[in-house]
Amino acid sequence: MRPPSVELRPLRESDVPVLVGWEADEVFCAHARWRPHRPYAEATAWWRDRIVSPDPFLLRLLAVSNGVPVGYADLHGDEPDARELGYLIAPSARWGEGLGTATARAALARAFGDMRLHRVWAEAVEANAASVQVLRRLGMRETGVGNEESFLGQPSRYVRFELLREEWETTRQRVRRGVS
């Protein structure tokens, strides 16, 4: 099976209904740690404000596959050569299709390519095995664990990962040559 193709683009005001719609998926909201069932007007205003007046330290890009919004990727932070990677895939019905890996991979390409960053780091709740697997699949190294957390009612903790530009370039070259 061929991995899905994902393109990242800036959020637009026309994306607000899709983003607000994701808030209706309780499983997705639990994974994303969003507040579900926020009043439509409140959610619409919140998303519109984030698009019109974005946080200067947060690059949030919509993930689009075959013309359909499937999630988003974040590169967050104020260090000149490092950012935190985040990604969300929604709704939960799309999980398991490789979209998380494709979205995170596209974000790393943006981070190390266009942005010329030296380091990207990420955290995933250990109990969210799919998210941890995505980060490992991308070649990110585990660098430690964080505080105890609860994930979907299950005790867990955050696992920290990082990837340096040199590691990303080496991994990309191996993939191009067909070497795993």
C-alpha atoms as a PDB file:
ATOM      1  CA  MET A   1       0.000   0.000   0.000  1.00  0.00           C
ATOM      2  CA  ARG A   2       1.345   3.414  -0.975  1.00  0.00           C
ATOM      3  CA  PRO A   3       1.626   5.990   1.826  1.00  0.00           C
ATOM      4  CA  PRO A   4      -0.818   8.880   1.612  1.00  0.00           C
ATOM      5  CA  SER A   5       0.281  12.183   0.145  1.00  0.00           C
ATOM      6  CA  VAL A   6      -0.116  15.196   2.425  1.00  0.00           C
ATOM      7  CA  GLU A   7       0.517  18.828   1.624  1.00  0.00           C
ATOM      8  CA  LEU A   8       0.782  21.526   4.269  1.00  0.00           C
ATOM      9  CA  ARG A   9      -0.569  25.027   3.731  1.00  0.00           C
ATOM     10  CA  PRO A  10      -1.370  28.043   5.913  1.00  0.00           C
ATOM     11  CA  LEU A  11      -4.760  28.065   7.593  1.00  0.00           C
ATOM     12  CA  ARG A  12      -7.407  30.205   5.896  1.00  0.00           C
ATOM     13  CA  GLU A  13     -10.618  31.700   7.243  1.00  0.00           C
ATOM     14  CA  SER A  14     -12.501  29.334   4.941  1.00  0.00           C
ATOM     15  CA  ASP A  15     -11.053  26.437   7.024  1.00  0.00           C
ATOM     16  CA  VAL A  16     -12.877  27.550  10.187  1.00  0.00           C
ATOM     17  CA  PRO A  17     -15.996  25.350   9.642  1.00  0.00           C
ATOM     18  CA  VAL A  18     -13.806  22.254   9.227  1.00  0.00           C
ATOM     19  CA  LEU A  19     -11.766  23.029  12.338  1.00  0.00           C
ATOM     20  CA  VAL A  20     -14.919  23.723  14.362  1.00  0.00           C
ATOM     21  CA  GLY A  21     -16.453  20.509  13.032  1.00  0.00           C
ATOM     22  CA  TRP A  22     -13.595  18.448  14.426  1.00  0.00           C
ATOM     23  CA  GLU A  23     -14.644  19.591  17.895  1.00  0.00           C
ATOM     24  CA  ALA A  24     -17.793  17.439  17.551  1.00  0.00           C
ATOM     25  CA  ASP A  25     -15.712  14.230  17.552  1.00  0.00           C
ATOM     26  CA  GLU A  26     -15.398  13.263  21.232  1.00  0.00           C
ATOM     27  CA  VAL A  27     -12.645  10.687  20.677  1.00  0.00           C
ATOM     28  CA  PHE A  28     -10.591  13.181  18.686  1.00  0.00           C
ATOM     29  CA  CYS A  29     -11.110  15.872  21.341  1.00  0.00           C
ATOM     30  CA  ALA A  30      -9.961  13.481  24.070  1.00  0.00           C
ATOM     31  CA  HIS A  31      -6.789  12.654  22.128  1.00  0.00           C
ATOM     32  CA  ALA A  32      -6.133  16.304  21.256  1.00  0.00           C
ATOM     33  CA  ARG A  33      -7.044  17.485  24.766  1.00  0.00           C
ATOM     34  CA  TRP A  34      -9.590  19.857  23.274  1.00  0.00           C
ATOM     35  CA  ARG A  35     -12.734  20.888  25.068  1.00  0.00           C
ATOM     36  CA  PRO A  36     -15.559  19.099  23.212  1.00  0.00           C
ATOM     37  CA  HIS A  37     -18.911  20.610  22.412  1.00  0.00           C
ATOM     38  CA  ARG A  38     -17.866  24.216  22.764  1.00  0.00           C
ATOM     39  CA  PRO A  39     -20.667  26.468  21.493  1.00  0.00           C
ATOM     40  CA  TYR A  40     -20.382  26.902  17.712  1.00  0.00           C
ATOM     41  CA  ALA A  41     -20.085  30.708  17.886  1.00  0.00           C
ATOM     42  CA  GLU A  42     -17.358  30.501  20.538  1.00  0.00           C
ATOM     43  CA  ALA A  43     -15.362  27.893  18.594  1.00  0.00           C
ATOM     44  CA  THR A  44     -15.770  29.845  15.344  1.00  0.00           C
ATOM     45  CA  ALA A  45     -14.531  33.064  16.954  1.00  0.00           C
ATOM     46  CA  TRP A  46     -11.591  31.266  18.575  1.00  0.00           C
ATOM     47  CA  TRP A  47     -10.396  29.660  15.328  1.00  0.00           C
ATOM     48  CA  ARG A  48     -10.973  32.834  13.298  1.00  0.00           C
ATOM     49  CA  ASP A  49      -8.879  34.812  15.795  1.00  0.00           C
ATOM     50  CA  ARG A  50      -6.023  32.246  15.586  1.00  0.00           C
ATOM     51  CA  ILE A  51      -6.018  32.511  11.794  1.00  0.00           C
ATOM     52  CA  VAL A  52      -6.313  36.285  11.515  1.00  0.00           C
ATOM     53  CA  SER A  53      -3.903  37.067  14.403  1.00  0.00           C
ATOM     54  CA  PRO A  54      -1.604  34.057  14.705  1.00  0.00           C
ATOM     55  CA  ASP A  55       0.832  33.526  17.550  1.00  0.00           C
ATOM     56  CA  PRO A  56       4.215  34.710  16.219  1.00  0.00           C
ATOM     57  CA  PHE A  57       5.905  31.670  17.775  1.00  0.00           C
ATOM     58  CA  LEU A  58       3.498  29.114  16.291  1.00  0.00           C
ATOM     59  CA  LEU A  59       3.452  28.017  12.671  1.00  0.00           C
ATOM     60  CA  ARG A  60       0.214  26.030  12.254  1.00  0.00           C
ATOM     61  CA  LEU A  61      -0.316  24.474   8.830  1.00  0.00           C
ATOM     62  CA  LEU A  62      -3.379  22.635   7.546  1.00  0.00           C
ATOM     63  CA  ALA A  63      -2.680  19.085   6.347  1.00  0.00           C
ATOM     64  CA  VAL A  64      -4.518  18.356   3.105  1.00  0.00           C
ATOM     65  CA  SER A  65      -4.723  14.941   1.409  1.00  0.00           C
ATOM     66  CA  ASN A  66      -6.416  14.593  -1.977  1.00  0.00           C
ATOM     67  CA  GLY A  67      -7.934  18.052  -1.542  1.00  0.00           C
ATOM     68  CA  VAL A  68      -9.472  17.202   1.844  1.00  0.00           C
ATOM     69  CA  PRO A  69      -8.321  18.734   5.163  1.00  0.00           C
ATOM     70  CA  VAL A  70      -7.193  15.845   7.374  1.00  0.00           C
ATOM     71  CA  GLY A  71      -5.432  17.593  10.254  1.00  0.00           C
ATOM     72  CA  TYR A  72      -2.709  20.076  10.954  1.00  0.00           C
ATOM     73  CA  ALA A  73       0.939  20.332  11.927  1.00  0.00           C
ATOM     74  CA  ASP A  74       2.538  22.816  14.303  1.00  0.00           C
ATOM     75  CA  LEU A  75       6.087  24.057  14.596  1.00  0.00           C
ATOM     76  CA  HIS A  76       6.192  25.969  17.858  1.00  0.00           C
ATOM     77  CA  GLY A  77       8.849  27.873  19.755  1.00  0.00           C
ATOM     78  CA  ASP A  78      10.972  30.977  19.888  1.00  0.00           C
ATOM     79  CA  GLU A  79      14.468  29.490  19.591  1.00  0.00           C
ATOM     80  CA  PRO A  80      16.163  30.597  16.354  1.00  0.00           C
ATOM     81  CA  ASP A  81      17.211  27.063  15.342  1.00  0.00           C
ATOM     82  CA  ALA A  82      14.762  24.698  17.085  1.00  0.00           C
ATOM     83  CA  ARG A  83      11.009  24.089  17.251  1.00  0.00           C
ATOM     84  CA  GLU A  84       8.562  21.664  18.823  1.00  0.00           C
ATOM     85  CA  LEU A  85       6.679  19.484  16.347  1.00  0.00           C
ATOM     86  CA  GLY A  86       2.998  18.808  16.923  1.00  0.00           C
ATOM     87  CA  TYR A  87       0.393  17.227  14.670  1.00  0.00           C
ATOM     88  CA  LEU A  88      -3.268  16.261  14.822  1.00  0.00           C
ATOM     89  CA  ILE A  89      -5.249  14.065  12.463  1.00  0.00           C
ATOM     90  CA  ALA A  90      -9.035  14.248  12.477  1.00  0.00           C
ATOM     91  CA  PRO A  91     -11.629  12.936  12.600  1.00  0.00           C
ATOM     92  CA  SER A  92     -10.819   9.671  14.319  1.00  0.00           C
ATOM     93  CA  ALA A  93     -12.289   7.738  11.375  1.00  0.00           C
ATOM     94  CA  ARG A  94      -9.140   8.648   9.354  1.00  0.00           C
ATOM     95  CA  TRP A  95      -6.711   7.246  11.927  1.00  0.00           C
ATOM     96  CA  GLY A  96      -4.604   4.279  10.895  1.00  0.00           C
ATOM     97  CA  GLU A  97      -4.186   5.352   7.252  1.00  0.00           C
ATOM     98  CA  GLY A  98      -0.671   6.804   7.591  1.00  0.00           C
ATOM     99  CA  LEU A  99      -1.833  10.424   7.629  1.00  0.00           C
ATOM    100  CA  GLY A 100      -0.107  11.191  10.942  1.00  0.00           C
ATOM    101  CA  THR A 101       3.235   9.973   9.622  1.00  0.00           C
ATOM    102  CA  ALA A 102       2.779  11.827   6.329  1.00  0.00           C
ATOM    103  CA  THR A 103       1.775  15.046   8.120  1.00  0.00           C
ATOM    104  CA  ALA A 104       4.652  14.916  10.592  1.00  0.00           C
ATOM    105  CA  ARG A 105       7.087  14.060   7.763  1.00  0.00           C
ATOM    106  CA  ALA A 106       5.895  17.080   5.759  1.00  0.00           C
ATOM    107  CA  ALA A 107       6.342  19.285   8.837  1.00  0.00           C
ATOM    108  CA  LEU A 108       9.909  18.019   9.297  1.00  0.00           C
ATOM    109  CA  ALA A 109      10.621  18.802   5.638  1.00  0.00           C
ATOM    110  CA  ARG A 110       9.377  22.356   6.249  1.00  0.00           C
ATOM    111  CA  ALA A 111      11.379  22.672   9.481  1.00  0.00           C
ATOM    112  CA  PHE A 112      14.686  21.404   8.126  1.00  0.00           C
ATOM    113  CA  GLY A 113      14.192  22.634   4.564  1.00  0.00           C
ATOM    114  CA  ASP A 114      12.496  26.029   4.309  1.00  0.00           C
ATOM    115  CA  MET A 115      13.072  27.060   7.932  1.00  0.00           C
ATOM    116  CA  ARG A 116      16.662  25.693   8.074  1.00  0.00           C
ATOM    117  CA  LEU A 117      16.249  24.589  11.689  1.00  0.00           C
ATOM    118  CA  HIS A 118      18.958  22.587  13.435  1.00  0.00           C
ATOM    119  CA  ARG A 119      16.721  20.620  15.838  1.00  0.00           C
ATOM    120  CA  VAL A 120      13.095  19.561  16.102  1.00  0.00           C
ATOM    121  CA  TRP A 121      11.709  17.998  19.242  1.00  0.00           C
ATOM    122  CA  ALA A 122       8.353  16.452  20.111  1.00  0.00           C
ATOM    123  CA  GLU A 123       6.483  14.835  22.957  1.00  0.00           C
ATOM    124  CA  ALA A 124       3.913  12.074  22.869  1.00  0.00           C
ATOM    125  CA  VAL A 125       1.911  10.518  25.682  1.00  0.00           C
ATOM    126  CA  GLU A 126       3.324   7.023  26.137  1.00  0.00           C
ATOM    127  CA  ALA A 127      -0.189   5.506  26.290  1.00  0.00           C
ATOM    128  CA  ASN A 128      -0.866   6.927  22.808  1.00  0.00           C
ATOM    129  CA  ALA A 129       1.135   4.164  21.128  1.00  0.00           C
ATOM    130  CA  ALA A 130       0.227   5.323  17.602  1.00  0.00           C
ATOM    131  CA  SER A 131       1.687   8.787  18.179  1.00  0.00           C
ATOM    132  CA  VAL A 132       4.851   7.377  19.749  1.00  0.00           C
ATOM    133  CA  GLN A 133       5.212   5.021  16.763  1.00  0.00           C
ATOM    134  CA  VAL A 134       4.885   7.911  14.283  1.00  0.00           C
ATOM    135  CA  LEU A 135       7.773   9.755  15.925  1.00  0.00           C
ATOM    136  CA  ARG A 136       9.939   6.640  15.966  1.00  0.00           C
ATOM    137  CA  ARG A 137       9.068   5.873  12.344  1.00  0.00           C
ATOM    138  CA  LEU A 138      10.358   9.326  11.385  1.00  0.00           C
ATOM    139  CA  GLY A 139      13.738   8.557  12.953  1.00  0.00           C
ATOM    140  CA  MET A 140      13.270  10.712  16.031  1.00  0.00           C
ATOM    141  CA  ARG A 141      15.343   9.629  19.011  1.00  0.00           C
ATOM    142  CA  GLU A 142      13.873   9.180  22.462  1.00  0.00           C
ATOM    143  CA  THR A 143      15.541  11.635  24.836  1.00  0.00           C
ATOM    144  CA  GLY A 144      13.657  11.137  28.092  1.00  0.00           C
ATOM    145  CA  VAL A 145      10.329  11.031  29.841  1.00  0.00           C
ATOM    146  CA  GLY A 146       8.259  13.715  31.484  1.00  0.00           C
ATOM    147  CA  ASN A 147       5.761  13.943  34.281  1.00  0.00           C
ATOM    148  CA  GLU A 148       2.946  11.535  34.954  1.00  0.00           C
ATOM    149  CA  GLU A 149      -0.159  12.295  32.911  1.00  0.00           C
ATOM    150  CA  SER A 150      -3.553  10.779  32.404  1.00  0.00           C
ATOM    151  CA  PHE A 151      -4.439   9.820  28.838  1.00  0.00           C
ATOM    152  CA  LEU A 152      -8.028   8.716  28.202  1.00  0.00           C
ATOM    153  CA  GLY A 153      -8.228   7.774  31.888  1.00  0.00           C
ATOM    154  CA  GLN A 154      -5.052   5.701  31.742  1.00  0.00           C
ATOM    155  CA  PRO A 155      -1.952   6.703  33.765  1.00  0.00           C
ATOM    156  CA  SER A 156       0.903   7.556  31.456  1.00  0.00           C
ATOM    157  CA  ARG A 157       3.760   9.988  30.926  1.00  0.00           C
ATOM    158  CA  TYR A 158       5.180  12.061  28.104  1.00  0.00           C
ATOM    159  CA  VAL A 159       8.030  10.618  26.076  1.00  0.00           C
ATOM    160  CA  ARG A 160      10.380  13.214  24.585  1.00  0.00           C
ATOM    161  CA  PHE A 161      11.963  12.867  21.152  1.00  0.00           C
ATOM    162  CA  GLU A 162      14.319  14.900  19.009  1.00  0.00           C
ATOM    163  CA  LEU A 163      15.807  14.909  15.539  1.00  0.00           C
ATOM    164  CA  LEU A 164      18.743  16.933  14.274  1.00  0.00           C
ATOM    165  CA  ARG A 165      18.965  18.211  10.701  1.00  0.00           C
ATOM    166  CA  GLU A 166      21.969  15.958   9.967  1.00  0.00           C
ATOM    167  CA  GLU A 167      19.993  12.900  11.092  1.00  0.00           C
ATOM    168  CA  TRP A 168      17.007  13.930   8.979  1.00  0.00           C
ATOM    169  CA  GLU A 169      19.198  14.406   5.897  1.00  0.00           C
ATOM    170  CA  THR A 170      20.835  10.992   6.393  1.00  0.00           C
ATOM    171  CA  THR A 171      17.424   9.336   6.791  1.00  0.00           C
ATOM    172  CA  ARG A 172      16.082  11.095   3.667  1.00  0.00           C
ATOM    173  CA  GLN A 173      19.070   9.960   1.598  1.00  0.00           C
ATOM    174  CA  ARG A 174      18.561   6.339   2.714  1.00  0.00           C
ATOM    175  CA  VAL A 175      14.869   6.480   1.796  1.00  0.00           C
ATOM    176  CA  ARG A 176      15.677   7.897  -1.659  1.00  0.00           C
ATOM    177  CA  ARG A 177      18.158   5.058  -2.270  1.00  0.00           C
ATOM    178  CA  GLY A 178      15.642   2.480  -1.029  1.00  0.00           C
ATOM    179  CA  VAL A 179      17.770   1.496   1.968  1.00  0.00           C
ATOM    180  CA  SER A 180      15.983   1.106   5.298  1.00  0.00           C
END
